[in-house]
N, C-alpha and C. Protein backbone atom coordinates (compact mmCIF):
# COMPACT_ATOMS: atom_id res chain seq x y z
N PHE A 1 34.00 -5.93 -126.81
CA PHE A 1 33.70 -5.85 -125.39
C PHE A 1 33.81 -4.41 -124.93
N ASP A 2 32.77 -3.92 -124.30
CA ASP A 2 32.78 -2.59 -123.69
C ASP A 2 32.55 -2.77 -122.20
N ALA A 3 33.59 -2.46 -121.42
CA ALA A 3 33.50 -2.62 -119.96
C ALA A 3 32.53 -1.62 -119.36
N ILE A 4 31.82 -2.05 -118.34
CA ILE A 4 30.95 -1.16 -117.59
C ILE A 4 31.83 -0.35 -116.65
N THR A 5 31.63 0.94 -116.61
CA THR A 5 32.45 1.79 -115.73
C THR A 5 31.95 1.72 -114.29
N GLY A 6 32.85 2.05 -113.36
CA GLY A 6 32.50 2.09 -111.94
C GLY A 6 32.49 0.72 -111.29
N ALA A 7 32.00 0.69 -110.06
CA ALA A 7 31.98 -0.54 -109.27
C ALA A 7 31.11 -1.61 -109.91
N GLU A 8 30.09 -1.19 -110.63
CA GLU A 8 29.17 -2.14 -111.26
C GLU A 8 29.90 -3.09 -112.21
N GLY A 9 30.97 -2.60 -112.84
CA GLY A 9 31.74 -3.42 -113.77
C GLY A 9 32.51 -4.54 -113.11
N TRP A 10 32.63 -4.50 -111.80
CA TRP A 10 33.39 -5.53 -111.06
C TRP A 10 32.48 -6.58 -110.43
N GLN A 11 31.18 -6.45 -110.57
CA GLN A 11 30.26 -7.41 -109.98
C GLN A 11 30.33 -8.74 -110.73
N LEU A 12 30.19 -9.81 -109.96
CA LEU A 12 30.16 -11.15 -110.54
C LEU A 12 28.87 -11.84 -110.12
N SER A 13 28.22 -12.48 -111.07
CA SER A 13 27.04 -13.25 -110.68
C SER A 13 27.44 -14.60 -110.11
N ASN A 14 28.54 -15.15 -110.61
CA ASN A 14 29.06 -16.42 -110.12
C ASN A 14 30.56 -16.27 -109.88
N PRO A 15 30.99 -16.32 -108.63
CA PRO A 15 32.43 -16.20 -108.37
C PRO A 15 33.18 -17.42 -108.92
N PRO A 16 34.45 -17.23 -109.30
CA PRO A 16 35.24 -18.35 -109.83
C PRO A 16 35.36 -19.48 -108.79
N ILE A 17 35.07 -20.69 -109.20
CA ILE A 17 35.01 -21.83 -108.29
C ILE A 17 36.36 -22.12 -107.62
N LEU A 18 37.47 -21.98 -108.34
CA LEU A 18 38.78 -22.25 -107.73
C LEU A 18 39.10 -21.23 -106.64
N SER A 19 38.75 -19.98 -106.88
CA SER A 19 38.96 -18.96 -105.85
C SER A 19 38.10 -19.25 -104.63
N MET A 20 36.89 -19.66 -104.86
CA MET A 20 35.99 -19.96 -103.74
C MET A 20 36.47 -21.18 -102.95
N ALA A 21 37.07 -22.15 -103.63
CA ALA A 21 37.60 -23.33 -102.93
C ALA A 21 38.71 -22.93 -101.97
N ALA A 22 39.57 -22.02 -102.40
CA ALA A 22 40.66 -21.55 -101.53
C ALA A 22 40.10 -20.77 -100.34
N ILE A 23 39.10 -19.95 -100.58
CA ILE A 23 38.47 -19.20 -99.49
C ILE A 23 37.82 -20.16 -98.51
N ARG A 24 37.12 -21.15 -99.04
CA ARG A 24 36.46 -22.15 -98.18
C ARG A 24 37.49 -22.86 -97.29
N ALA A 25 38.61 -23.26 -97.87
CA ALA A 25 39.65 -23.95 -97.11
C ALA A 25 40.21 -23.04 -96.01
N SER A 26 40.40 -21.76 -96.32
CA SER A 26 40.92 -20.85 -95.29
C SER A 26 39.91 -20.65 -94.17
N LEU A 27 38.63 -20.60 -94.51
CA LEU A 27 37.60 -20.46 -93.47
C LEU A 27 37.57 -21.69 -92.57
N ASP A 28 37.80 -22.87 -93.14
CA ASP A 28 37.86 -24.09 -92.34
C ASP A 28 39.02 -24.03 -91.34
N ILE A 29 40.15 -23.49 -91.78
CA ILE A 29 41.31 -23.35 -90.88
C ILE A 29 40.99 -22.40 -89.74
N PHE A 30 40.36 -21.26 -90.05
CA PHE A 30 39.97 -20.32 -89.00
C PHE A 30 38.99 -20.97 -88.03
N GLU A 31 38.04 -21.73 -88.56
CA GLU A 31 37.05 -22.38 -87.70
C GLU A 31 37.73 -23.40 -86.78
N GLU A 32 38.65 -24.17 -87.32
CA GLU A 32 39.36 -25.17 -86.52
C GLU A 32 40.20 -24.52 -85.42
N ALA A 33 40.89 -23.46 -85.77
CA ALA A 33 41.75 -22.77 -84.79
C ALA A 33 40.92 -22.02 -83.75
N GLY A 34 39.78 -21.55 -84.14
CA GLY A 34 38.95 -20.74 -83.26
C GLY A 34 39.33 -19.27 -83.39
N PHE A 35 38.38 -18.46 -83.81
CA PHE A 35 38.69 -17.06 -84.10
C PHE A 35 39.23 -16.33 -82.88
N GLU A 36 38.68 -16.59 -81.70
CA GLU A 36 39.18 -15.93 -80.48
C GLU A 36 40.63 -16.33 -80.21
N ASN A 37 40.98 -17.59 -80.48
CA ASN A 37 42.37 -18.03 -80.30
C ASN A 37 43.31 -17.32 -81.27
N VAL A 38 42.84 -17.12 -82.50
CA VAL A 38 43.65 -16.42 -83.50
C VAL A 38 43.88 -14.98 -83.05
N ILE A 39 42.84 -14.32 -82.57
CA ILE A 39 42.97 -12.94 -82.09
C ILE A 39 43.93 -12.88 -80.91
N GLU A 40 43.80 -13.81 -79.97
CA GLU A 40 44.67 -13.83 -78.79
C GLU A 40 46.13 -14.04 -79.19
N LYS A 41 46.39 -14.98 -80.09
CA LYS A 41 47.78 -15.20 -80.51
C LYS A 41 48.30 -13.98 -81.27
N SER A 42 47.46 -13.36 -82.06
CA SER A 42 47.86 -12.16 -82.79
C SER A 42 48.32 -11.07 -81.82
N LYS A 43 47.54 -10.85 -80.77
CA LYS A 43 47.90 -9.83 -79.77
C LYS A 43 49.21 -10.18 -79.07
N LYS A 44 49.38 -11.46 -78.74
CA LYS A 44 50.61 -11.88 -78.05
C LYS A 44 51.83 -11.78 -78.96
N LEU A 45 51.69 -12.22 -80.22
CA LEU A 45 52.81 -12.12 -81.17
C LEU A 45 53.23 -10.67 -81.38
N THR A 46 52.24 -9.81 -81.60
CA THR A 46 52.54 -8.41 -81.85
C THR A 46 53.10 -7.74 -80.61
N GLY A 47 52.58 -8.10 -79.44
CA GLY A 47 53.13 -7.58 -78.19
C GLY A 47 54.57 -8.01 -77.98
N PHE A 48 54.87 -9.26 -78.31
CA PHE A 48 56.24 -9.76 -78.21
C PHE A 48 57.15 -9.02 -79.19
N PHE A 49 56.66 -8.81 -80.40
CA PHE A 49 57.39 -8.06 -81.41
C PHE A 49 57.70 -6.65 -80.90
N GLU A 50 56.70 -6.00 -80.35
CA GLU A 50 56.86 -4.64 -79.80
C GLU A 50 57.89 -4.64 -78.67
N PHE A 51 57.80 -5.61 -77.77
CA PHE A 51 58.73 -5.74 -76.64
C PHE A 51 60.17 -5.87 -77.14
N LEU A 52 60.38 -6.75 -78.12
CA LEU A 52 61.72 -6.96 -78.65
C LEU A 52 62.27 -5.70 -79.33
N LEU A 53 61.41 -5.00 -80.06
CA LEU A 53 61.86 -3.76 -80.70
C LEU A 53 62.27 -2.72 -79.67
N HIS A 54 61.47 -2.57 -78.60
CA HIS A 54 61.82 -1.62 -77.54
C HIS A 54 63.15 -2.00 -76.89
N ASN A 55 63.38 -3.30 -76.74
CA ASN A 55 64.62 -3.76 -76.10
C ASN A 55 65.86 -3.57 -76.97
N LEU A 56 65.68 -3.26 -78.24
CA LEU A 56 66.84 -2.94 -79.07
C LEU A 56 67.49 -1.64 -78.61
N GLN A 57 66.70 -0.80 -77.97
CA GLN A 57 67.17 0.49 -77.45
C GLN A 57 67.95 1.26 -78.52
N ASP A 58 67.36 1.33 -79.69
CA ASP A 58 67.96 2.05 -80.81
C ASP A 58 67.16 3.34 -81.00
N SER A 59 67.81 4.47 -80.82
CA SER A 59 67.12 5.76 -80.88
C SER A 59 66.58 6.08 -82.27
N ARG A 60 67.01 5.35 -83.28
CA ARG A 60 66.51 5.57 -84.64
C ARG A 60 65.12 4.98 -84.85
N ILE A 61 64.73 4.06 -83.98
CA ILE A 61 63.48 3.31 -84.16
C ILE A 61 62.36 3.93 -83.34
N LYS A 62 61.22 4.14 -84.01
CA LYS A 62 60.01 4.61 -83.32
C LYS A 62 58.82 3.84 -83.89
N ILE A 63 58.12 3.13 -83.01
CA ILE A 63 56.90 2.43 -83.43
C ILE A 63 55.80 3.47 -83.51
N ILE A 64 55.21 3.62 -84.69
CA ILE A 64 54.18 4.65 -84.87
C ILE A 64 52.77 4.07 -84.88
N THR A 65 52.66 2.78 -84.76
CA THR A 65 51.37 2.11 -84.61
C THR A 65 50.89 2.35 -83.18
N PRO A 66 49.57 2.48 -82.95
CA PRO A 66 49.10 2.66 -81.57
C PRO A 66 49.62 1.56 -80.64
N ALA A 67 50.00 1.94 -79.43
CA ALA A 67 50.52 0.98 -78.45
C ALA A 67 49.42 0.09 -77.89
N ASN A 68 48.20 0.58 -77.85
CA ASN A 68 47.07 -0.18 -77.31
C ASN A 68 46.68 -1.29 -78.29
N PRO A 69 46.78 -2.57 -77.87
CA PRO A 69 46.44 -3.68 -78.76
C PRO A 69 45.00 -3.63 -79.30
N GLU A 70 44.12 -2.95 -78.59
CA GLU A 70 42.72 -2.84 -79.04
C GLU A 70 42.58 -1.83 -80.18
N GLU A 71 43.62 -1.05 -80.43
CA GLU A 71 43.58 -0.02 -81.47
C GLU A 71 44.42 -0.39 -82.69
N ARG A 72 44.85 -1.63 -82.78
CA ARG A 72 45.69 -2.05 -83.90
C ARG A 72 45.42 -3.52 -84.21
N GLY A 73 45.91 -3.93 -85.35
CA GLY A 73 45.90 -5.34 -85.71
C GLY A 73 47.26 -5.92 -85.40
N CYS A 74 47.70 -6.85 -86.23
CA CYS A 74 48.99 -7.49 -85.97
C CYS A 74 50.17 -6.74 -86.59
N GLN A 75 49.88 -5.73 -87.37
CA GLN A 75 50.95 -4.98 -88.03
C GLN A 75 51.54 -3.90 -87.13
N LEU A 76 52.87 -3.78 -87.17
CA LEU A 76 53.54 -2.64 -86.54
C LEU A 76 54.21 -1.83 -87.64
N SER A 77 54.01 -0.53 -87.59
CA SER A 77 54.70 0.39 -88.49
C SER A 77 55.85 1.00 -87.71
N ILE A 78 57.05 0.88 -88.26
CA ILE A 78 58.26 1.29 -87.56
C ILE A 78 58.94 2.38 -88.37
N ALA A 79 58.96 3.60 -87.82
CA ALA A 79 59.71 4.69 -88.46
C ALA A 79 61.17 4.51 -88.07
N VAL A 80 62.04 4.55 -89.06
CA VAL A 80 63.48 4.38 -88.82
C VAL A 80 64.19 5.64 -89.32
N LYS A 81 64.64 6.44 -88.36
CA LYS A 81 65.27 7.72 -88.67
C LYS A 81 66.44 7.53 -89.64
N ASN A 82 66.46 8.36 -90.68
CA ASN A 82 67.51 8.37 -91.71
C ASN A 82 67.58 7.09 -92.54
N ALA A 83 66.52 6.29 -92.53
CA ALA A 83 66.50 5.07 -93.34
C ALA A 83 65.99 5.40 -94.74
N ASP A 84 66.33 4.54 -95.67
CA ASP A 84 65.76 4.63 -97.01
C ASP A 84 65.35 3.21 -97.43
N LYS A 85 64.91 3.08 -98.66
CA LYS A 85 64.36 1.80 -99.10
C LYS A 85 65.40 0.68 -99.09
N SER A 86 66.69 1.01 -98.99
CA SER A 86 67.71 -0.04 -98.93
C SER A 86 67.52 -0.91 -97.69
N LEU A 87 66.95 -0.34 -96.62
CA LEU A 87 66.66 -1.15 -95.42
C LEU A 87 65.65 -2.24 -95.77
N HIS A 88 64.62 -1.89 -96.51
CA HIS A 88 63.62 -2.87 -96.93
C HIS A 88 64.27 -3.95 -97.79
N THR A 89 65.16 -3.54 -98.69
CA THR A 89 65.86 -4.49 -99.56
C THR A 89 66.71 -5.45 -98.73
N LYS A 90 67.42 -4.93 -97.74
CA LYS A 90 68.24 -5.78 -96.86
C LYS A 90 67.37 -6.77 -96.09
N LEU A 91 66.24 -6.29 -95.57
CA LEU A 91 65.33 -7.17 -94.83
C LEU A 91 64.81 -8.28 -95.73
N THR A 92 64.44 -7.93 -96.94
CA THR A 92 63.94 -8.93 -97.89
C THR A 92 65.00 -9.99 -98.16
N LYS A 93 66.23 -9.56 -98.39
CA LYS A 93 67.33 -10.51 -98.62
C LYS A 93 67.59 -11.38 -97.40
N ALA A 94 67.28 -10.85 -96.20
CA ALA A 94 67.46 -11.61 -94.96
C ALA A 94 66.26 -12.51 -94.67
N GLY A 95 65.27 -12.52 -95.56
CA GLY A 95 64.11 -13.39 -95.39
C GLY A 95 62.97 -12.79 -94.60
N VAL A 96 63.00 -11.49 -94.36
CA VAL A 96 61.94 -10.81 -93.62
C VAL A 96 60.97 -10.19 -94.62
N ILE A 97 59.71 -10.61 -94.53
CA ILE A 97 58.68 -10.05 -95.40
C ILE A 97 58.15 -8.79 -94.74
N SER A 98 58.33 -7.68 -95.42
CA SER A 98 57.89 -6.40 -94.87
C SER A 98 57.39 -5.52 -96.00
N ASP A 99 56.97 -4.34 -95.64
CA ASP A 99 56.45 -3.38 -96.59
C ASP A 99 57.14 -2.05 -96.32
N TRP A 100 57.48 -1.31 -97.36
CA TRP A 100 58.15 -0.02 -97.22
C TRP A 100 57.18 1.10 -97.57
N ARG A 101 57.14 2.12 -96.73
CA ARG A 101 56.36 3.32 -96.98
C ARG A 101 57.27 4.52 -96.85
N GLU A 102 57.25 5.36 -97.86
CA GLU A 102 58.04 6.59 -97.82
C GLU A 102 57.51 7.50 -96.71
N PRO A 103 58.36 8.23 -96.02
CA PRO A 103 59.77 8.38 -96.33
C PRO A 103 60.68 7.39 -95.61
N ASP A 104 60.20 6.78 -94.49
CA ASP A 104 61.13 5.99 -93.67
C ASP A 104 60.44 4.94 -92.80
N VAL A 105 59.39 4.33 -93.33
CA VAL A 105 58.59 3.41 -92.51
C VAL A 105 58.63 1.99 -93.06
N ILE A 106 58.96 1.06 -92.17
CA ILE A 106 58.89 -0.38 -92.44
C ILE A 106 57.65 -0.90 -91.73
N ARG A 107 56.84 -1.68 -92.45
CA ARG A 107 55.66 -2.28 -91.83
C ARG A 107 55.83 -3.79 -91.83
N VAL A 108 55.61 -4.40 -90.67
CA VAL A 108 55.74 -5.85 -90.52
C VAL A 108 54.52 -6.36 -89.76
N ALA A 109 53.99 -7.50 -90.19
CA ALA A 109 52.80 -8.06 -89.56
C ALA A 109 52.99 -9.55 -89.32
N PRO A 110 53.31 -9.95 -88.09
CA PRO A 110 53.36 -11.39 -87.80
C PRO A 110 51.95 -11.99 -87.89
N ALA A 111 51.81 -13.03 -88.69
CA ALA A 111 50.50 -13.65 -88.92
C ALA A 111 50.28 -14.78 -87.92
N PRO A 112 49.21 -14.71 -87.11
CA PRO A 112 49.02 -15.68 -86.04
C PRO A 112 48.81 -17.13 -86.49
N LEU A 113 48.30 -17.35 -87.68
CA LEU A 113 48.12 -18.72 -88.16
C LEU A 113 49.38 -19.27 -88.82
N TYR A 114 50.37 -18.43 -89.00
CA TYR A 114 51.55 -18.83 -89.75
C TYR A 114 52.84 -18.68 -88.94
N ASN A 115 53.00 -17.54 -88.29
CA ASN A 115 54.26 -17.24 -87.60
C ASN A 115 54.27 -17.73 -86.16
N SER A 116 55.46 -18.07 -85.70
CA SER A 116 55.68 -18.48 -84.31
C SER A 116 56.40 -17.36 -83.57
N PHE A 117 56.50 -17.51 -82.26
CA PHE A 117 57.26 -16.55 -81.46
C PHE A 117 58.73 -16.60 -81.85
N GLU A 118 59.21 -17.78 -82.20
CA GLU A 118 60.60 -17.90 -82.67
C GLU A 118 60.80 -17.11 -83.96
N ASP A 119 59.82 -17.17 -84.87
CA ASP A 119 59.90 -16.39 -86.11
C ASP A 119 60.05 -14.91 -85.81
N VAL A 120 59.27 -14.42 -84.85
CA VAL A 120 59.32 -13.00 -84.48
C VAL A 120 60.69 -12.66 -83.89
N PHE A 121 61.20 -13.54 -83.03
CA PHE A 121 62.52 -13.31 -82.43
C PHE A 121 63.60 -13.24 -83.51
N VAL A 122 63.57 -14.20 -84.43
CA VAL A 122 64.56 -14.23 -85.51
C VAL A 122 64.42 -12.99 -86.39
N MET A 123 63.19 -12.57 -86.67
CA MET A 123 62.97 -11.38 -87.49
C MET A 123 63.59 -10.16 -86.85
N VAL A 124 63.43 -9.99 -85.54
CA VAL A 124 64.00 -8.82 -84.86
C VAL A 124 65.52 -8.90 -84.87
N GLU A 125 66.08 -10.08 -84.72
CA GLU A 125 67.54 -10.23 -84.80
C GLU A 125 68.04 -9.83 -86.19
N ARG A 126 67.32 -10.23 -87.22
CA ARG A 126 67.71 -9.86 -88.59
C ARG A 126 67.53 -8.37 -88.82
N PHE A 127 66.48 -7.81 -88.25
CA PHE A 127 66.23 -6.37 -88.34
C PHE A 127 67.40 -5.61 -87.72
N LYS A 128 67.82 -6.07 -86.55
CA LYS A 128 68.96 -5.45 -85.85
C LYS A 128 70.21 -5.50 -86.72
N GLU A 129 70.46 -6.64 -87.35
CA GLU A 129 71.64 -6.78 -88.22
C GLU A 129 71.55 -5.84 -89.43
N CYS A 130 70.36 -5.70 -89.98
CA CYS A 130 70.18 -4.84 -91.15
C CYS A 130 70.35 -3.36 -90.81
N LEU A 131 70.18 -3.01 -89.56
CA LEU A 131 70.34 -1.62 -89.13
C LEU A 131 71.81 -1.22 -88.99
N LYS A 132 72.70 -2.20 -88.95
CA LYS A 132 74.13 -1.91 -88.77
C LYS A 132 74.72 -1.23 -89.99
């Protein structure tokens, strides 16, 4: 077997049927929920997340994602002064799914089809505990 180099080597004439079945099922969920409803909940969840973070009044925290909901998705990138990857490890152990970016950024994205406002509230409470 000699692989074709470049993007051409990744082309498929027939996508794998099991992968397509999962994609089809997810599209059905989006259709049932209504895409505009998903976008609206995403904006509200992320806005609530942003509100709760601001209310922590912790000078180490700075949201570096644009404040305008029209300029961002559901993810917030949070720079945490003097933090290291151990913060990400603590969050993971506390059940918070996040992403770490060097040198000091935690990224969290509440998913509108999956997460509730209670999930976001609990996540911020756990975030606060991990900052101690």
